Amino acid sequence: MSDPFADEKPRPKPVHEIGQDLSLLSVGELDERIALLKGEIERLEAARAAKAASREAANAFFKR
C-alpha cells in the first residue's frame, strides 16, 4: 500500500519578484519578504563599499 502523504513534501518558499502582486500575501509573509530584502540590500551595500575601496586604492596607487 502506498503512503498517502508521500506527495506532501515541504515546498520551498517562493522567491520575491520585483513588481509581483502582493495582495495574496499575509502580513507575516510580507514581514519575511521585507527582512529578506533588507538583508539583500545590506549585502549589496557591503559589496559596493568593498569595490569602491578597491577602486580608490588602485587610483591612489597609480596616481602617485
N, C-alpha and C. Protein backbone atom coordinates (compact mmCIF):
# COMPACT_ATOMS: atom_id res chain seq x y z
N MET A 1 0.85 -1.19 0.00
CA MET A 1 0.00 0.00 0.00
C MET A 1 0.89 1.24 0.00
N SER A 2 0.58 2.21 -0.82
CA SER A 2 1.41 3.41 -0.91
C SER A 2 1.04 4.40 0.19
N ASP A 3 2.01 5.25 0.50
CA ASP A 3 1.83 6.26 1.53
C ASP A 3 1.00 7.42 0.97
N PRO A 4 -0.16 7.74 1.56
CA PRO A 4 -0.99 8.84 1.03
C PRO A 4 -0.36 10.22 1.22
N PHE A 5 0.66 10.30 2.10
CA PHE A 5 1.31 11.59 2.37
C PHE A 5 2.64 11.73 1.65
N ALA A 6 2.96 10.82 0.76
CA ALA A 6 4.25 10.84 0.07
C ALA A 6 4.44 12.09 -0.77
N ASP A 7 3.38 12.65 -1.30
CA ASP A 7 3.48 13.85 -2.15
C ASP A 7 3.48 15.15 -1.35
N GLU A 8 3.38 15.07 -0.05
CA GLU A 8 3.30 16.27 0.79
C GLU A 8 4.67 16.67 1.32
N LYS A 9 5.62 16.85 0.45
CA LYS A 9 6.95 17.31 0.84
C LYS A 9 6.88 18.82 1.06
N PRO A 10 7.71 19.32 1.99
CA PRO A 10 7.70 20.77 2.19
C PRO A 10 8.10 21.48 0.89
N ARG A 11 7.35 22.47 0.54
CA ARG A 11 7.65 23.23 -0.66
C ARG A 11 8.57 24.39 -0.31
N PRO A 12 9.52 24.69 -1.18
CA PRO A 12 10.38 25.85 -0.91
C PRO A 12 9.56 27.13 -0.97
N LYS A 13 9.96 28.09 -0.13
CA LYS A 13 9.26 29.37 -0.14
C LYS A 13 9.54 30.07 -1.45
N PRO A 14 8.54 30.73 -2.00
CA PRO A 14 8.77 31.42 -3.26
C PRO A 14 9.74 32.59 -3.09
N VAL A 15 10.49 32.82 -4.12
CA VAL A 15 11.42 33.95 -4.13
C VAL A 15 10.63 35.20 -4.48
N HIS A 16 10.99 36.29 -3.87
CA HIS A 16 10.28 37.54 -4.16
C HIS A 16 10.68 38.04 -5.53
N GLU A 17 9.70 38.46 -6.29
CA GLU A 17 9.94 39.05 -7.60
C GLU A 17 9.50 40.50 -7.57
N ILE A 18 10.35 41.37 -8.06
CA ILE A 18 10.03 42.79 -8.09
C ILE A 18 8.76 43.00 -8.92
N GLY A 19 7.81 43.73 -8.37
CA GLY A 19 6.59 44.06 -9.09
C GLY A 19 5.48 43.03 -8.98
N GLN A 20 5.71 41.94 -8.26
CA GLN A 20 4.69 40.90 -8.19
C GLN A 20 3.48 41.36 -7.36
N ASP A 21 2.35 40.72 -7.57
CA ASP A 21 1.13 41.03 -6.84
C ASP A 21 1.30 40.63 -5.38
N LEU A 22 1.10 41.57 -4.48
CA LEU A 22 1.29 41.33 -3.05
C LEU A 22 -0.03 41.09 -2.32
N SER A 23 -1.14 41.17 -3.02
CA SER A 23 -2.44 41.12 -2.37
C SER A 23 -2.74 39.76 -1.73
N LEU A 24 -2.11 38.71 -2.19
CA LEU A 24 -2.39 37.38 -1.62
C LEU A 24 -1.46 37.00 -0.47
N LEU A 25 -0.49 37.85 -0.15
CA LEU A 25 0.45 37.56 0.92
C LEU A 25 -0.10 38.02 2.27
N SER A 26 0.18 37.23 3.30
CA SER A 26 -0.23 37.62 4.66
C SER A 26 0.74 38.65 5.21
N VAL A 27 0.38 39.25 6.33
CA VAL A 27 1.25 40.22 6.98
C VAL A 27 2.58 39.55 7.35
N GLY A 28 2.51 38.32 7.84
CA GLY A 28 3.73 37.59 8.20
C GLY A 28 4.62 37.33 6.99
N GLU A 29 3.99 36.97 5.89
CA GLU A 29 4.77 36.74 4.66
C GLU A 29 5.40 38.04 4.16
N LEU A 30 4.67 39.13 4.28
CA LEU A 30 5.22 40.42 3.88
C LEU A 30 6.41 40.79 4.78
N ASP A 31 6.28 40.54 6.09
CA ASP A 31 7.38 40.81 7.02
C ASP A 31 8.61 39.97 6.67
N GLU A 32 8.40 38.70 6.29
CA GLU A 32 9.51 37.83 5.90
C GLU A 32 10.20 38.37 4.65
N ARG A 33 9.41 38.81 3.70
CA ARG A 33 9.99 39.33 2.46
C ARG A 33 10.75 40.63 2.72
N ILE A 34 10.20 41.49 3.59
CA ILE A 34 10.88 42.74 3.93
C ILE A 34 12.23 42.43 4.57
N ALA A 35 12.26 41.49 5.50
CA ALA A 35 13.51 41.12 6.16
C ALA A 35 14.51 40.55 5.15
N LEU A 36 14.02 39.72 4.25
CA LEU A 36 14.87 39.14 3.21
C LEU A 36 15.47 40.24 2.33
N LEU A 37 14.64 41.17 1.90
CA LEU A 37 15.11 42.23 1.03
C LEU A 37 16.05 43.20 1.75
N LYS A 38 15.79 43.49 3.02
CA LYS A 38 16.70 44.34 3.79
C LYS A 38 18.07 43.67 3.91
N GLY A 39 18.08 42.37 4.14
CA GLY A 39 19.34 41.63 4.20
C GLY A 39 20.08 41.69 2.88
N GLU A 40 19.35 41.59 1.79
CA GLU A 40 19.96 41.66 0.46
C GLU A 40 20.51 43.06 0.20
N ILE A 41 19.79 44.09 0.63
CA ILE A 41 20.28 45.46 0.47
C ILE A 41 21.59 45.64 1.23
N GLU A 42 21.65 45.13 2.46
CA GLU A 42 22.89 45.23 3.24
C GLU A 42 24.04 44.52 2.54
N ARG A 43 23.76 43.36 1.95
CA ARG A 43 24.79 42.60 1.24
C ARG A 43 25.27 43.38 0.02
N LEU A 44 24.34 43.99 -0.71
CA LEU A 44 24.71 44.79 -1.88
C LEU A 44 25.52 46.02 -1.49
N GLU A 45 25.12 46.68 -0.40
CA GLU A 45 25.86 47.86 0.04
C GLU A 45 27.27 47.50 0.48
N ALA A 46 27.44 46.35 1.14
CA ALA A 46 28.78 45.91 1.55
C ALA A 46 29.65 45.60 0.33
N ALA A 47 29.07 44.95 -0.67
CA ALA A 47 29.82 44.65 -1.89
C ALA A 47 30.21 45.94 -2.61
N ARG A 48 29.29 46.89 -2.64
CA ARG A 48 29.58 48.18 -3.29
C ARG A 48 30.69 48.91 -2.57
N ALA A 49 30.66 48.92 -1.23
CA ALA A 49 31.69 49.60 -0.45
C ALA A 49 33.05 48.95 -0.68
N ALA A 50 33.09 47.63 -0.75
CA ALA A 50 34.35 46.93 -0.98
C ALA A 50 34.91 47.27 -2.36
N LYS A 51 34.06 47.32 -3.36
CA LYS A 51 34.51 47.67 -4.71
C LYS A 51 34.99 49.12 -4.78
N ALA A 52 34.28 50.00 -4.10
CA ALA A 52 34.68 51.41 -4.10
C ALA A 52 36.03 51.57 -3.41
N ALA A 53 36.25 50.87 -2.31
CA ALA A 53 37.52 50.95 -1.60
C ALA A 53 38.65 50.40 -2.47
N SER A 54 38.39 49.32 -3.19
CA SER A 54 39.39 48.75 -4.09
C SER A 54 39.74 49.73 -5.21
N ARG A 55 38.73 50.36 -5.75
CA ARG A 55 38.95 51.33 -6.83
C ARG A 55 39.75 52.52 -6.31
N GLU A 56 39.41 53.03 -5.12
CA GLU A 56 40.14 54.15 -4.54
C GLU A 56 41.59 53.80 -4.29
N ALA A 57 41.84 52.58 -3.82
CA ALA A 57 43.22 52.14 -3.57
C ALA A 57 44.00 52.06 -4.88
N ALA A 58 43.37 51.54 -5.92
CA ALA A 58 44.03 51.45 -7.23
C ALA A 58 44.31 52.85 -7.78
N ASN A 59 43.34 53.74 -7.65
CA ASN A 59 43.54 55.11 -8.12
C ASN A 59 44.68 55.79 -7.38
N ALA A 60 44.75 55.60 -6.07
CA ALA A 60 45.82 56.20 -5.28
C ALA A 60 47.18 55.63 -5.68
N PHE A 61 47.24 54.34 -5.96
CA PHE A 61 48.49 53.69 -6.34
C PHE A 61 49.00 54.21 -7.69
N PHE A 62 48.11 54.32 -8.64
CA PHE A 62 48.54 54.69 -9.99
C PHE A 62 48.69 56.20 -10.19
N LYS A 63 48.19 57.01 -9.27
CA LYS A 63 48.33 58.46 -9.40
C LYS A 63 49.61 58.97 -8.78
N ARG A 64 50.25 58.23 -7.98
CA ARG A 64 51.49 58.63 -7.27
C ARG A 64 51.91 59.96 -7.68
